[in-house]
């Protein structure tokens, strides 16, 4: 009997050690000082004004900054608002996934359910909006900033067209429609849904709609050809795909907690991404164990790259490079830092 009790005791001890080991492996290892120095040298040698975020202790991020200006209005900081641009598509995609889990809609749900007035809506599904194969196109920009969700949706519906070709075509309008669907399905505004389901639970206090953002809260672009008015026009028309401003630190918290920690969502997104020519779904590209995304509007560029199995992640935000440079930086970080 004593032997049996001892065996049971040892089994519980082993299980306890397993749980501790599992918890320790739940977060990626903190990035060493040498790597941090190398990343800073990369920013400096390429004359990039911006910040890089990498894994610190636990789920926290370490900030690596380089300033190419002494103008405080242009300095990028990890706790300062930054335009999300297309990095917001991950937020919208995650919200749609939540609604599928609540059985409120599915990947095969027709766009016709929500917007029957759209040409060919009966032949477009949520899945096709999530993977950019809807055939819908809209590259127009308003002359002045749009005011409020109602005007944003009205502008989108007025200026889109349907090519009726269900092949890969990266279009913001897909995620603008998904944002509008989130609003209709949740019986609240899109922004309210994001705040209620993401910002409030994670205590994200540095997230605002473009209409709430004051110029002084955001690092101003170093490109003299880009002014704040142009930024507001662009972000106002990217409803669900770039209307939000989030600090790099808050964006890190969102991705780490709502994306990397949701293995079920990642698995489903991965499986859906493999069904088409371009491995993309829910706002991210898949490359083996890596998810990645770029965000770009005039004057601002950013990217996120993460290993969804190890939770190793790197984010980059800058206001003095163009989109082509962003693509180069993103590839460099993926291959040299992530080793992919």
C-alpha atoms as a PDB file:
ATOM      1  CA  UNK A   1       0.000   0.000   0.000  1.00  0.00           C
ATOM      2  CA  UNK A   2       2.875   2.330   0.865  1.00  0.00           C
ATOM      3  CA  UNK A   3       4.477   1.544  -2.491  1.00  0.00           C
ATOM      4  CA  UNK A   4       1.228   2.387  -4.278  1.00  0.00           C
ATOM      5  CA  UNK A   5       0.956   5.704  -2.447  1.00  0.00           C
ATOM      6  CA  UNK A   6       4.586   6.483  -3.275  1.00  0.00           C
ATOM      7  CA  UNK A   7       3.940   5.667  -6.942  1.00  0.00           C
ATOM      8  CA  UNK A   8       0.900   7.963  -7.035  1.00  0.00           C
ATOM      9  CA  UNK A   9       2.873  10.724  -5.310  1.00  0.00           C
ATOM     10  CA  UNK A  10       5.706  10.437  -7.847  1.00  0.00           C
ATOM     11  CA  UNK A  11       3.210  10.486 -10.708  1.00  0.00           C
ATOM     12  CA  UNK A  12       1.707  13.743  -9.423  1.00  0.00           C
ATOM     13  CA  UNK A  13       5.182  15.218  -9.007  1.00  0.00           C
ATOM     14  CA  UNK A  14       6.100  14.257 -12.572  1.00  0.00           C
ATOM     15  CA  UNK A  15       2.872  15.743 -13.883  1.00  0.00           C
ATOM     16  CA  UNK A  16       3.540  18.936 -11.935  1.00  0.00           C
ATOM     17  CA  UNK A  17       7.023  19.196 -13.415  1.00  0.00           C
ATOM     18  CA  UNK A  18       5.536  18.632 -16.872  1.00  0.00           C
ATOM     19  CA  UNK A  19       3.089  21.481 -16.341  1.00  0.00           C
ATOM     20  CA  UNK A  20       5.863  23.793 -15.185  1.00  0.00           C
ATOM     21  CA  UNK A  21       7.993  22.807 -18.178  1.00  0.00           C
ATOM     22  CA  UNK A  22       5.073  23.389 -20.543  1.00  0.00           C
ATOM     23  CA  UNK A  23       4.393  26.812 -19.077  1.00  0.00           C
ATOM     24  CA  UNK A  24       8.070  27.728 -19.381  1.00  0.00           C
ATOM     25  CA  UNK A  25       8.003  26.769 -23.058  1.00  0.00           C
ATOM     26  CA  UNK A  26       4.795  28.718 -23.673  1.00  0.00           C
ATOM     27  CA  UNK A  27       6.694  31.935 -24.400  1.00  0.00           C
ATOM     28  CA  UNK A  28       9.600  32.493 -26.761  1.00  0.00           C
ATOM     29  CA  UNK A  29      13.010  33.073 -25.203  1.00  0.00           C
ATOM     30  CA  UNK A  30      13.985  36.677 -24.598  1.00  0.00           C
ATOM     31  CA  UNK A  31      16.232  38.083 -27.311  1.00  0.00           C
ATOM     32  CA  UNK A  32      19.879  38.371 -26.235  1.00  0.00           C
ATOM     33  CA  UNK A  33      21.765  41.669 -26.112  1.00  0.00           C
ATOM     34  CA  UNK A  34      23.995  40.789 -29.060  1.00  0.00           C
ATOM     35  CA  UNK A  35      20.993  40.272 -31.339  1.00  0.00           C
ATOM     36  CA  UNK A  36      19.425  43.493 -30.100  1.00  0.00           C
ATOM     37  CA  UNK A  37      22.644  45.339 -30.964  1.00  0.00           C
ATOM     38  CA  UNK A  38      22.697  43.758 -34.432  1.00  0.00           C
ATOM     39  CA  UNK A  39      19.117  44.856 -35.069  1.00  0.00           C
ATOM     40  CA  UNK A  40      19.918  48.396 -33.941  1.00  0.00           C
ATOM     41  CA  UNK A  41      22.964  48.425 -36.233  1.00  0.00           C
ATOM     42  CA  UNK A  42      20.707  47.332 -39.098  1.00  0.00           C
ATOM     43  CA  UNK A  43      18.378  50.299 -38.529  1.00  0.00           C
ATOM     44  CA  UNK A  44      21.309  52.690 -38.198  1.00  0.00           C
ATOM     45  CA  UNK A  45      23.244  51.459 -41.236  1.00  0.00           C
ATOM     46  CA  UNK A  46      20.107  51.712 -43.399  1.00  0.00           C
ATOM     47  CA  UNK A  47      19.263  55.166 -41.980  1.00  0.00           C
ATOM     48  CA  UNK A  48      15.847  53.991 -40.833  1.00  0.00           C
ATOM     49  CA  UNK A  49      13.914  56.161 -38.411  1.00  0.00           C
ATOM     50  CA  UNK A  50      11.787  53.787 -36.397  1.00  0.00           C
ATOM     51  CA  UNK A  51      11.504  50.969 -33.885  1.00  0.00           C
ATOM     52  CA  UNK A  52      11.801  47.207 -33.844  1.00  0.00           C
ATOM     53  CA  UNK A  53      10.012  45.101 -31.235  1.00  0.00           C
ATOM     54  CA  UNK A  54      11.283  41.632 -30.277  1.00  0.00           C
ATOM     55  CA  UNK A  55      10.559  39.080 -27.558  1.00  0.00           C
ATOM     56  CA  UNK A  56      11.407  40.068 -24.000  1.00  0.00           C
ATOM     57  CA  UNK A  57      10.501  38.241 -20.785  1.00  0.00           C
ATOM     58  CA  UNK A  58       7.270  36.298 -20.962  1.00  0.00           C
ATOM     59  CA  UNK A  59       4.870  37.921 -23.381  1.00  0.00           C
ATOM     60  CA  UNK A  60       6.515  41.345 -23.116  1.00  0.00           C
ATOM     61  CA  UNK A  61       8.324  43.120 -25.941  1.00  0.00           C
ATOM     62  CA  UNK A  62      11.752  44.732 -26.013  1.00  0.00           C
ATOM     63  CA  UNK A  63      12.031  47.942 -28.057  1.00  0.00           C
ATOM     64  CA  UNK A  64      15.008  48.718 -30.282  1.00  0.00           C
ATOM     65  CA  UNK A  65      14.910  52.314 -31.525  1.00  0.00           C
ATOM     66  CA  UNK A  66      16.913  54.394 -33.973  1.00  0.00           C
ATOM     67  CA  UNK A  67      16.382  58.100 -34.561  1.00  0.00           C
ATOM     68  CA  UNK A  68      17.401  59.701 -37.845  1.00  0.00           C
ATOM     69  CA  UNK A  69      15.937  63.027 -36.783  1.00  0.00           C
ATOM     70  CA  UNK A  70      16.112  65.413 -33.835  1.00  0.00           C
ATOM     71  CA  UNK A  71      12.584  66.622 -34.529  1.00  0.00           C
ATOM     72  CA  UNK A  72      10.515  65.245 -31.636  1.00  0.00           C
ATOM     73  CA  UNK A  73       7.390  65.365 -33.782  1.00  0.00           C
ATOM     74  CA  UNK A  74       8.914  62.747 -36.116  1.00  0.00           C
ATOM     75  CA  UNK A  75      10.344  60.287 -33.594  1.00  0.00           C
ATOM     76  CA  UNK A  76       8.687  56.843 -33.617  1.00  0.00           C
ATOM     77  CA  UNK A  77       8.101  55.363 -30.159  1.00  0.00           C
ATOM     78  CA  UNK A  78       6.733  52.024 -29.019  1.00  0.00           C
ATOM     79  CA  UNK A  79       4.084  53.702 -26.854  1.00  0.00           C
ATOM     80  CA  UNK A  80       3.059  56.311 -29.450  1.00  0.00           C
ATOM     81  CA  UNK A  81       0.124  55.870 -31.832  1.00  0.00           C
ATOM     82  CA  UNK A  82       1.009  54.626 -35.320  1.00  0.00           C
ATOM     83  CA  UNK A  83      -1.242  54.002 -38.358  1.00  0.00           C
ATOM     84  CA  UNK A  84      -1.941  50.271 -38.567  1.00  0.00           C
ATOM     85  CA  UNK A  85      -2.643  50.301 -42.335  1.00  0.00           C
ATOM     86  CA  UNK A  86      -3.024  46.681 -43.526  1.00  0.00           C
ATOM     87  CA  UNK A  87      -1.774  45.287 -40.217  1.00  0.00           C
ATOM     88  CA  UNK A  88      -5.343  45.961 -39.096  1.00  0.00           C
ATOM     89  CA  UNK A  89      -6.577  43.206 -41.395  1.00  0.00           C
ATOM     90  CA  UNK A  90      -5.353  40.690 -38.803  1.00  0.00           C
ATOM     91  CA  UNK A  91      -7.566  42.375 -36.220  1.00  0.00           C
ATOM     92  CA  UNK A  92     -10.586  42.236 -38.536  1.00  0.00           C
ATOM     93  CA  UNK A  93      -9.831  38.633 -39.505  1.00  0.00           C
ATOM     94  CA  UNK A  94      -9.619  37.622 -35.843  1.00  0.00           C
ATOM     95  CA  UNK A  95     -12.966  39.289 -35.125  1.00  0.00           C
ATOM     96  CA  UNK A  96     -14.570  37.349 -37.996  1.00  0.00           C
ATOM     97  CA  UNK A  97     -13.095  34.141 -36.610  1.00  0.00           C
ATOM     98  CA  UNK A  98     -14.687  34.899 -33.228  1.00  0.00           C
ATOM     99  CA  UNK A  99     -18.066  35.177 -34.922  1.00  0.00           C
ATOM    100  CA  UNK A 100     -17.552  31.798 -36.640  1.00  0.00           C
ATOM    101  CA  UNK A 101     -16.815  30.251 -33.243  1.00  0.00           C
ATOM    102  CA  UNK A 102     -20.101  31.632 -31.962  1.00  0.00           C
ATOM    103  CA  UNK A 103     -21.823  30.069 -35.013  1.00  0.00           C
ATOM    104  CA  UNK A 104     -23.050  33.485 -36.082  1.00  0.00           C
ATOM    105  CA  UNK A 105     -21.558  33.040 -39.545  1.00  0.00           C
ATOM    106  CA  UNK A 106     -19.343  30.574 -41.421  1.00  0.00           C
ATOM    107  CA  UNK A 107     -16.716  30.567 -44.151  1.00  0.00           C
ATOM    108  CA  UNK A 108     -19.402  29.582 -46.676  1.00  0.00           C
ATOM    109  CA  UNK A 109     -21.853  32.292 -45.576  1.00  0.00           C
ATOM    110  CA  UNK A 110     -22.804  34.360 -48.610  1.00  0.00           C
ATOM    111  CA  UNK A 111     -22.128  38.086 -48.837  1.00  0.00           C
ATOM    112  CA  UNK A 112     -25.721  38.258 -50.053  1.00  0.00           C
ATOM    113  CA  UNK A 113     -26.804  37.619 -46.444  1.00  0.00           C
ATOM    114  CA  UNK A 114     -25.547  41.080 -45.478  1.00  0.00           C
ATOM    115  CA  UNK A 115     -25.296  43.111 -48.688  1.00  0.00           C
ATOM    116  CA  UNK A 116     -27.691  41.757 -51.325  1.00  0.00           C
ATOM    117  CA  UNK A 117     -27.409  45.063 -53.222  1.00  0.00           C
ATOM    118  CA  UNK A 118     -23.823  44.265 -54.268  1.00  0.00           C
ATOM    119  CA  UNK A 119     -23.540  42.898 -57.795  1.00  0.00           C
ATOM    120  CA  UNK A 120     -22.823  39.151 -57.640  1.00  0.00           C
ATOM    121  CA  UNK A 121     -23.010  39.039 -53.834  1.00  0.00           C
ATOM    122  CA  UNK A 122     -24.742  35.657 -53.935  1.00  0.00           C
ATOM    123  CA  UNK A 123     -21.552  34.159 -55.438  1.00  0.00           C
ATOM    124  CA  UNK A 124     -19.163  35.644 -52.856  1.00  0.00           C
ATOM    125  CA  UNK A 125     -18.481  34.005 -49.491  1.00  0.00           C
ATOM    126  CA  UNK A 126     -16.867  35.112 -46.233  1.00  0.00           C
ATOM    127  CA  UNK A 127     -13.998  32.781 -47.125  1.00  0.00           C
ATOM    128  CA  UNK A 128     -13.370  34.667 -50.374  1.00  0.00           C
ATOM    129  CA  UNK A 129     -13.320  37.997 -48.553  1.00  0.00           C
ATOM    130  CA  UNK A 130     -10.848  36.570 -46.029  1.00  0.00           C
ATOM    131  CA  UNK A 131      -8.486  35.313 -48.755  1.00  0.00           C
ATOM    132  CA  UNK A 132      -8.911  38.100 -51.344  1.00  0.00           C
ATOM    133  CA  UNK A 133     -10.594  35.998 -54.043  1.00  0.00           C
ATOM    134  CA  UNK A 134     -13.956  37.795 -54.036  1.00  0.00           C
ATOM    135  CA  UNK A 135     -13.487  39.528 -57.387  1.00  0.00           C
ATOM    136  CA  UNK A 136     -14.384  42.874 -55.815  1.00  0.00           C
ATOM    137  CA  UNK A 137     -12.229  45.917 -56.611  1.00  0.00           C
ATOM    138  CA  UNK A 138     -12.096  49.462 -55.221  1.00  0.00           C
ATOM    139  CA  UNK A 139      -8.991  51.645 -55.542  1.00  0.00           C
ATOM    140  CA  UNK A 140     -10.703  55.043 -55.202  1.00  0.00           C
ATOM    141  CA  UNK A 141      -9.898  57.590 -52.518  1.00  0.00           C
ATOM    142  CA  UNK A 142     -12.245  60.336 -51.296  1.00  0.00           C
ATOM    143  CA  UNK A 143     -11.319  64.001 -51.754  1.00  0.00           C
ATOM    144  CA  UNK A 144     -11.901  64.713 -48.056  1.00  0.00           C
ATOM    145  CA  UNK A 145     -11.835  62.503 -44.928  1.00  0.00           C
ATOM    146  CA  UNK A 146     -14.934  60.373 -44.509  1.00  0.00           C
ATOM    147  CA  UNK A 147     -16.919  60.952 -41.323  1.00  0.00           C
ATOM    148  CA  UNK A 148     -18.113  57.928 -39.399  1.00  0.00           C
ATOM    149  CA  UNK A 149     -18.880  54.323 -40.232  1.00  0.00           C
ATOM    150  CA  UNK A 150     -22.101  55.061 -42.113  1.00  0.00           C
ATOM    151  CA  UNK A 151     -20.280  57.348 -44.565  1.00  0.00           C
ATOM    152  CA  UNK A 152     -17.368  54.913 -44.858  1.00  0.00           C
ATOM    153  CA  UNK A 153     -19.645  52.035 -45.828  1.00  0.00           C
ATOM    154  CA  UNK A 154     -21.656  54.191 -48.219  1.00  0.00           C
ATOM    155  CA  UNK A 155     -18.468  55.319 -50.004  1.00  0.00           C
ATOM    156  CA  UNK A 156     -17.242  51.726 -50.243  1.00  0.00           C
ATOM    157  CA  UNK A 157     -20.505  50.470 -51.741  1.00  0.00           C
ATOM    158  CA  UNK A 158     -20.679  53.329 -54.216  1.00  0.00           C
ATOM    159  CA  UNK A 159     -17.163  52.919 -55.597  1.00  0.00           C
ATOM    160  CA  UNK A 160     -16.619  49.155 -55.682  1.00  0.00           C
ATOM    161  CA  UNK A 161     -17.049  46.974 -58.742  1.00  0.00           C
ATOM    162  CA  UNK A 162     -17.173  43.223 -59.265  1.00  0.00           C
ATOM    163  CA  UNK A 163     -14.819  41.672 -61.820  1.00  0.00           C
ATOM    164  CA  UNK A 164     -16.510  38.286 -61.304  1.00  0.00           C
ATOM    165  CA  UNK A 165     -13.093  36.594 -61.325  1.00  0.00           C
ATOM    166  CA  UNK A 166     -12.446  34.596 -58.164  1.00  0.00           C
ATOM    167  CA  UNK A 167      -8.666  34.619 -58.262  1.00  0.00           C
ATOM    168  CA  UNK A 168      -6.157  36.216 -55.884  1.00  0.00           C
ATOM    169  CA  UNK A 169      -6.336  40.021 -55.883  1.00  0.00           C
ATOM    170  CA  UNK A 170      -5.209  41.938 -52.791  1.00  0.00           C
ATOM    171  CA  UNK A 171      -7.980  44.486 -52.208  1.00  0.00           C
ATOM    172  CA  UNK A 172      -8.764  46.542 -49.104  1.00  0.00           C
ATOM    173  CA  UNK A 173     -12.448  46.410 -50.001  1.00  0.00           C
ATOM    174  CA  UNK A 174     -12.595  42.741 -48.909  1.00  0.00           C
ATOM    175  CA  UNK A 175     -11.740  43.703 -45.339  1.00  0.00           C
ATOM    176  CA  UNK A 176     -13.865  46.833 -45.461  1.00  0.00           C
ATOM    177  CA  UNK A 177     -16.799  44.545 -46.151  1.00  0.00           C
ATOM    178  CA  UNK A 178     -15.743  42.171 -43.380  1.00  0.00           C
ATOM    179  CA  UNK A 179     -15.690  45.125 -40.957  1.00  0.00           C
ATOM    180  CA  UNK A 180     -19.190  46.083 -42.078  1.00  0.00           C
ATOM    181  CA  UNK A 181     -20.331  42.472 -41.582  1.00  0.00           C
ATOM    182  CA  UNK A 182     -18.860  42.459 -38.058  1.00  0.00           C
ATOM    183  CA  UNK A 183     -20.900  45.561 -37.335  1.00  0.00           C
ATOM    184  CA  UNK A 184     -24.124  44.119 -38.716  1.00  0.00           C
ATOM    185  CA  UNK A 185     -23.697  40.753 -37.024  1.00  0.00           C
ATOM    186  CA  UNK A 186     -22.759  42.211 -33.627  1.00  0.00           C
ATOM    187  CA  UNK A 187     -25.378  44.997 -33.773  1.00  0.00           C
ATOM    188  CA  UNK A 188     -22.750  47.574 -32.878  1.00  0.00           C
ATOM    189  CA  UNK A 189     -20.192  49.668 -34.710  1.00  0.00           C
ATOM    190  CA  UNK A 190     -17.007  47.958 -35.882  1.00  0.00           C
ATOM    191  CA  UNK A 191     -14.898  50.174 -33.617  1.00  0.00           C
ATOM    192  CA  UNK A 192     -17.109  49.364 -30.629  1.00  0.00           C
ATOM    193  CA  UNK A 193     -16.703  45.639 -31.293  1.00  0.00           C
ATOM    194  CA  UNK A 194     -12.901  45.962 -31.418  1.00  0.00           C
ATOM    195  CA  UNK A 195     -12.818  47.925 -28.180  1.00  0.00           C
ATOM    196  CA  UNK A 196     -15.232  45.599 -26.392  1.00  0.00           C
ATOM    197  CA  UNK A 197     -13.633  42.313 -27.465  1.00  0.00           C
ATOM    198  CA  UNK A 198      -9.941  43.172 -27.809  1.00  0.00           C
ATOM    199  CA  UNK A 199      -8.951  46.529 -26.320  1.00  0.00           C
ATOM    200  CA  UNK A 200     -10.878  46.266 -23.046  1.00  0.00           C
ATOM    201  CA  UNK A 201      -9.866  42.684 -22.092  1.00  0.00           C
ATOM    202  CA  UNK A 202      -6.181  43.395 -22.813  1.00  0.00           C
ATOM    203  CA  UNK A 203      -6.235  46.931 -21.405  1.00  0.00           C
ATOM    204  CA  UNK A 204      -5.107  48.407 -24.706  1.00  0.00           C
ATOM    205  CA  UNK A 205      -5.290  52.127 -23.999  1.00  0.00           C
ATOM    206  CA  UNK A 206      -3.363  53.231 -27.099  1.00  0.00           C
ATOM    207  CA  UNK A 207      -5.832  52.385 -29.837  1.00  0.00           C
ATOM    208  CA  UNK A 208      -8.002  54.977 -31.566  1.00  0.00           C
ATOM    209  CA  UNK A 209     -10.057  55.510 -34.686  1.00  0.00           C
ATOM    210  CA  UNK A 210      -8.534  58.031 -37.118  1.00  0.00           C
ATOM    211  CA  UNK A 211     -11.283  60.516 -36.219  1.00  0.00           C
ATOM    212  CA  UNK A 212     -10.193  60.502 -32.558  1.00  0.00           C
ATOM    213  CA  UNK A 213      -6.488  61.006 -33.243  1.00  0.00           C
ATOM    214  CA  UNK A 214      -4.788  64.368 -32.831  1.00  0.00           C
ATOM    215  CA  UNK A 215      -1.832  65.117 -35.083  1.00  0.00           C
ATOM    216  CA  UNK A 216       0.508  65.557 -32.113  1.00  0.00           C
ATOM    217  CA  UNK A 217      -0.186  61.978 -30.945  1.00  0.00           C
ATOM    218  CA  UNK A 218       1.397  60.437 -34.043  1.00  0.00           C
ATOM    219  CA  UNK A 219       4.992  60.648 -35.334  1.00  0.00           C
ATOM    220  CA  UNK A 220       4.774  62.832 -38.427  1.00  0.00           C
ATOM    221  CA  UNK A 221       6.110  61.406 -41.703  1.00  0.00           C
ATOM    222  CA  UNK A 222       9.610  62.504 -42.645  1.00  0.00           C
ATOM    223  CA  UNK A 223       8.664  62.618 -46.324  1.00  0.00           C
ATOM    224  CA  UNK A 224       7.901  66.312 -47.007  1.00  0.00           C
ATOM    225  CA  UNK A 225       5.517  65.263 -49.788  1.00  0.00           C
ATOM    226  CA  UNK A 226       3.155  63.622 -47.272  1.00  0.00           C
ATOM    227  CA  UNK A 227       1.044  65.821 -45.019  1.00  0.00           C
ATOM    228  CA  UNK A 228      -1.327  64.998 -42.163  1.00  0.00           C
ATOM    229  CA  UNK A 229      -4.420  65.759 -44.256  1.00  0.00           C
ATOM    230  CA  UNK A 230      -3.401  63.058 -46.744  1.00  0.00           C
ATOM    231  CA  UNK A 231      -2.952  60.622 -43.865  1.00  0.00           C
ATOM    232  CA  UNK A 232      -6.460  61.305 -42.537  1.00  0.00           C
ATOM    233  CA  UNK A 233      -8.015  60.922 -45.993  1.00  0.00           C
ATOM    234  CA  UNK A 234      -6.290  57.569 -46.479  1.00  0.00           C
ATOM    235  CA  UNK A 235      -7.079  56.138 -43.058  1.00  0.00           C
ATOM    236  CA  UNK A 236     -10.688  57.331 -43.180  1.00  0.00           C
ATOM    237  CA  UNK A 237     -11.331  55.282 -46.332  1.00  0.00           C
ATOM    238  CA  UNK A 238      -9.589  52.126 -45.060  1.00  0.00           C
ATOM    239  CA  UNK A 239     -12.479  51.090 -42.812  1.00  0.00           C
ATOM    240  CA  UNK A 240     -11.544  47.780 -41.180  1.00  0.00           C
ATOM    241  CA  UNK A 241      -8.290  47.750 -43.094  1.00  0.00           C
ATOM    242  CA  UNK A 242      -6.428  50.765 -41.712  1.00  0.00           C
ATOM    243  CA  UNK A 243      -8.781  53.171 -39.924  1.00  0.00           C
ATOM    244  CA  UNK A 244      -7.257  52.428 -36.522  1.00  0.00           C
ATOM    245  CA  UNK A 245      -4.113  53.902 -34.959  1.00  0.00           C
ATOM    246  CA  UNK A 246      -2.396  51.617 -32.434  1.00  0.00           C
ATOM    247  CA  UNK A 247       0.880  51.953 -30.566  1.00  0.00           C
ATOM    248  CA  UNK A 248       3.474  49.271 -31.446  1.00  0.00           C
ATOM    249  CA  UNK A 249       3.350  48.020 -27.835  1.00  0.00           C
ATOM    250  CA  UNK A 250      -0.442  47.600 -27.955  1.00  0.00           C
ATOM    251  CA  UNK A 251      -0.266  45.911 -31.345  1.00  0.00           C
ATOM    252  CA  UNK A 252       2.316  43.483 -29.937  1.00  0.00           C
ATOM    253  CA  UNK A 253      -0.028  42.630 -27.054  1.00  0.00           C
ATOM    254  CA  UNK A 254      -2.891  41.998 -29.467  1.00  0.00           C
ATOM    255  CA  UNK A 255      -0.916  39.703 -31.784  1.00  0.00           C
ATOM    256  CA  UNK A 256       0.738  37.803 -28.951  1.00  0.00           C
ATOM    257  CA  UNK A 257      -2.454  37.218 -26.978  1.00  0.00           C
ATOM    258  CA  UNK A 258      -5.166  36.927 -29.636  1.00  0.00           C
ATOM    259  CA  UNK A 259      -3.243  35.391 -32.529  1.00  0.00           C
ATOM    260  CA  UNK A 260      -0.146  33.480 -31.406  1.00  0.00           C
ATOM    261  CA  UNK A 261      -1.873  32.018 -28.348  1.00  0.00           C
ATOM    262  CA  UNK A 262      -4.885  30.818 -30.331  1.00  0.00           C
ATOM    263  CA  UNK A 263      -3.502  27.667 -31.937  1.00  0.00           C
ATOM    264  CA  UNK A 264      -6.977  26.604 -33.068  1.00  0.00           C
ATOM    265  CA  UNK A 265      -7.451  29.822 -35.063  1.00  0.00           C
ATOM    266  CA  UNK A 266      -3.942  29.659 -36.526  1.00  0.00           C
ATOM    267  CA  UNK A 267      -4.504  26.038 -37.589  1.00  0.00           C
ATOM    268  CA  UNK A 268      -7.788  26.904 -39.276  1.00  0.00           C
ATOM    269  CA  UNK A 269      -6.306  29.962 -41.007  1.00  0.00           C
ATOM    270  CA  UNK A 270      -3.354  27.846 -42.183  1.00  0.00           C
ATOM    271  CA  UNK A 271      -5.617  25.136 -43.590  1.00  0.00           C
ATOM    272  CA  UNK A 272      -7.727  27.711 -45.428  1.00  0.00           C
ATOM    273  CA  UNK A 273      -4.605  29.449 -46.800  1.00  0.00           C
ATOM    274  CA  UNK A 274      -3.407  26.224 -48.410  1.00  0.00           C
ATOM    275  CA  UNK A 275      -6.497  25.977 -50.611  1.00  0.00           C
ATOM    276  CA  UNK A 276      -5.426  28.752 -52.987  1.00  0.00           C
ATOM    277  CA  UNK A 277      -2.471  29.946 -55.034  1.00  0.00           C
ATOM    278  CA  UNK A 278      -1.333  32.541 -52.469  1.00  0.00           C
ATOM    279  CA  UNK A 279      -1.052  31.225 -48.902  1.00  0.00           C
ATOM    280  CA  UNK A 280      -3.011  34.024 -47.246  1.00  0.00           C
ATOM    281  CA  UNK A 281      -6.000  34.072 -44.925  1.00  0.00           C
ATOM    282  CA  UNK A 282      -7.384  36.318 -42.210  1.00  0.00           C
ATOM    283  CA  UNK A 283      -4.882  39.115 -42.754  1.00  0.00           C
ATOM    284  CA  UNK A 284      -1.644  37.096 -42.762  1.00  0.00           C
ATOM    285  CA  UNK A 285       0.587  35.258 -45.220  1.00  0.00           C
ATOM    286  CA  UNK A 286       1.760  31.762 -44.279  1.00  0.00           C
ATOM    287  CA  UNK A 287       5.257  30.436 -45.017  1.00  0.00           C
ATOM    288  CA  UNK A 288       5.841  27.175 -43.186  1.00  0.00           C
ATOM    289  CA  UNK A 289       5.624  27.977 -39.462  1.00  0.00           C
ATOM    290  CA  UNK A 290       5.836  31.703 -40.164  1.00  0.00           C
ATOM    291  CA  UNK A 291       3.009  34.223 -40.423  1.00  0.00           C
ATOM    292  CA  UNK A 292       3.752  37.694 -41.744  1.00  0.00           C
ATOM    293  CA  UNK A 293       2.032  40.881 -42.858  1.00  0.00           C
ATOM    294  CA  UNK A 294       2.997  44.340 -44.108  1.00  0.00           C
ATOM    295  CA  UNK A 295       1.212  47.628 -43.503  1.00  0.00           C
ATOM    296  CA  UNK A 296       1.778  50.666 -45.698  1.00  0.00           C
ATOM    297  CA  UNK A 297       0.209  54.067 -46.302  1.00  0.00           C
ATOM    298  CA  UNK A 298       1.934  57.227 -47.561  1.00  0.00           C
ATOM    299  CA  UNK A 299       4.549  58.192 -44.967  1.00  0.00           C
ATOM    300  CA  UNK A 300       4.254  55.079 -42.787  1.00  0.00           C
ATOM    301  CA  UNK A 301       5.384  51.478 -43.147  1.00  0.00           C
ATOM    302  CA  UNK A 302       5.302  48.520 -40.762  1.00  0.00           C
ATOM    303  CA  UNK A 303       5.497  44.741 -40.679  1.00  0.00           C
ATOM    304  CA  UNK A 304       5.058  41.792 -38.346  1.00  0.00           C
ATOM    305  CA  UNK A 305       6.725  38.390 -38.665  1.00  0.00           C
ATOM    306  CA  UNK A 306       6.136  35.570 -36.182  1.00  0.00           C
ATOM    307  CA  UNK A 307       6.683  31.861 -35.730  1.00  0.00           C
ATOM    308  CA  UNK A 308       3.291  30.675 -34.545  1.00  0.00           C
ATOM    309  CA  UNK A 309       4.758  27.530 -32.980  1.00  0.00           C
ATOM    310  CA  UNK A 310       7.610  29.044 -30.953  1.00  0.00           C
ATOM    311  CA  UNK A 311       5.985  32.503 -30.542  1.00  0.00           C
ATOM    312  CA  UNK A 312       9.233  34.148 -31.636  1.00  0.00           C
ATOM    313  CA  UNK A 313       8.169  37.483 -33.161  1.00  0.00           C
ATOM    314  CA  UNK A 314       9.546  40.686 -34.590  1.00  0.00           C
ATOM    315  CA  UNK A 315       7.709  43.906 -35.488  1.00  0.00           C
ATOM    316  CA  UNK A 316       8.975  46.932 -37.360  1.00  0.00           C
ATOM    317  CA  UNK A 317       7.558  50.487 -37.610  1.00  0.00           C
ATOM    318  CA  UNK A 318       9.060  53.387 -39.573  1.00  0.00           C
ATOM    319  CA  UNK A 319       8.070  56.802 -40.958  1.00  0.00           C
ATOM    320  CA  UNK A 320      10.969  57.529 -43.348  1.00  0.00           C
ATOM    321  CA  UNK A 321      10.978  54.666 -45.878  1.00  0.00           C
ATOM    322  CA  UNK A 322       8.829  53.707 -48.876  1.00  0.00           C
ATOM    323  CA  UNK A 323       6.950  50.474 -49.560  1.00  0.00           C
ATOM    324  CA  UNK A 324       9.708  48.907 -51.666  1.00  0.00           C
ATOM    325  CA  UNK A 325      12.168  49.462 -48.820  1.00  0.00           C
ATOM    326  CA  UNK A 326       9.642  47.948 -46.405  1.00  0.00           C
ATOM    327  CA  UNK A 327       9.529  44.772 -48.498  1.00  0.00           C
ATOM    328  CA  UNK A 328      13.324  44.556 -48.390  1.00  0.00           C
ATOM    329  CA  UNK A 329      13.419  45.140 -44.626  1.00  0.00           C
ATOM    330  CA  UNK A 330      10.665  42.564 -44.079  1.00  0.00           C
ATOM    331  CA  UNK A 331      12.562  39.947 -46.109  1.00  0.00           C
ATOM    332  CA  UNK A 332      15.821  40.738 -44.297  1.00  0.00           C
ATOM    333  CA  UNK A 333      14.173  40.352 -40.895  1.00  0.00           C
ATOM    334  CA  UNK A 334      12.462  37.133 -41.927  1.00  0.00           C
ATOM    335  CA  UNK A 335      15.592  35.456 -43.284  1.00  0.00           C
ATOM    336  CA  UNK A 336      18.282  36.872 -41.010  1.00  0.00           C
ATOM    337  CA  UNK A 337      16.355  37.137 -37.746  1.00  0.00           C
ATOM    338  CA  UNK A 338      13.666  34.474 -38.007  1.00  0.00           C
ATOM    339  CA  UNK A 339      15.956  32.130 -39.968  1.00  0.00           C
ATOM    340  CA  UNK A 340      13.210  31.317 -42.444  1.00  0.00           C
END
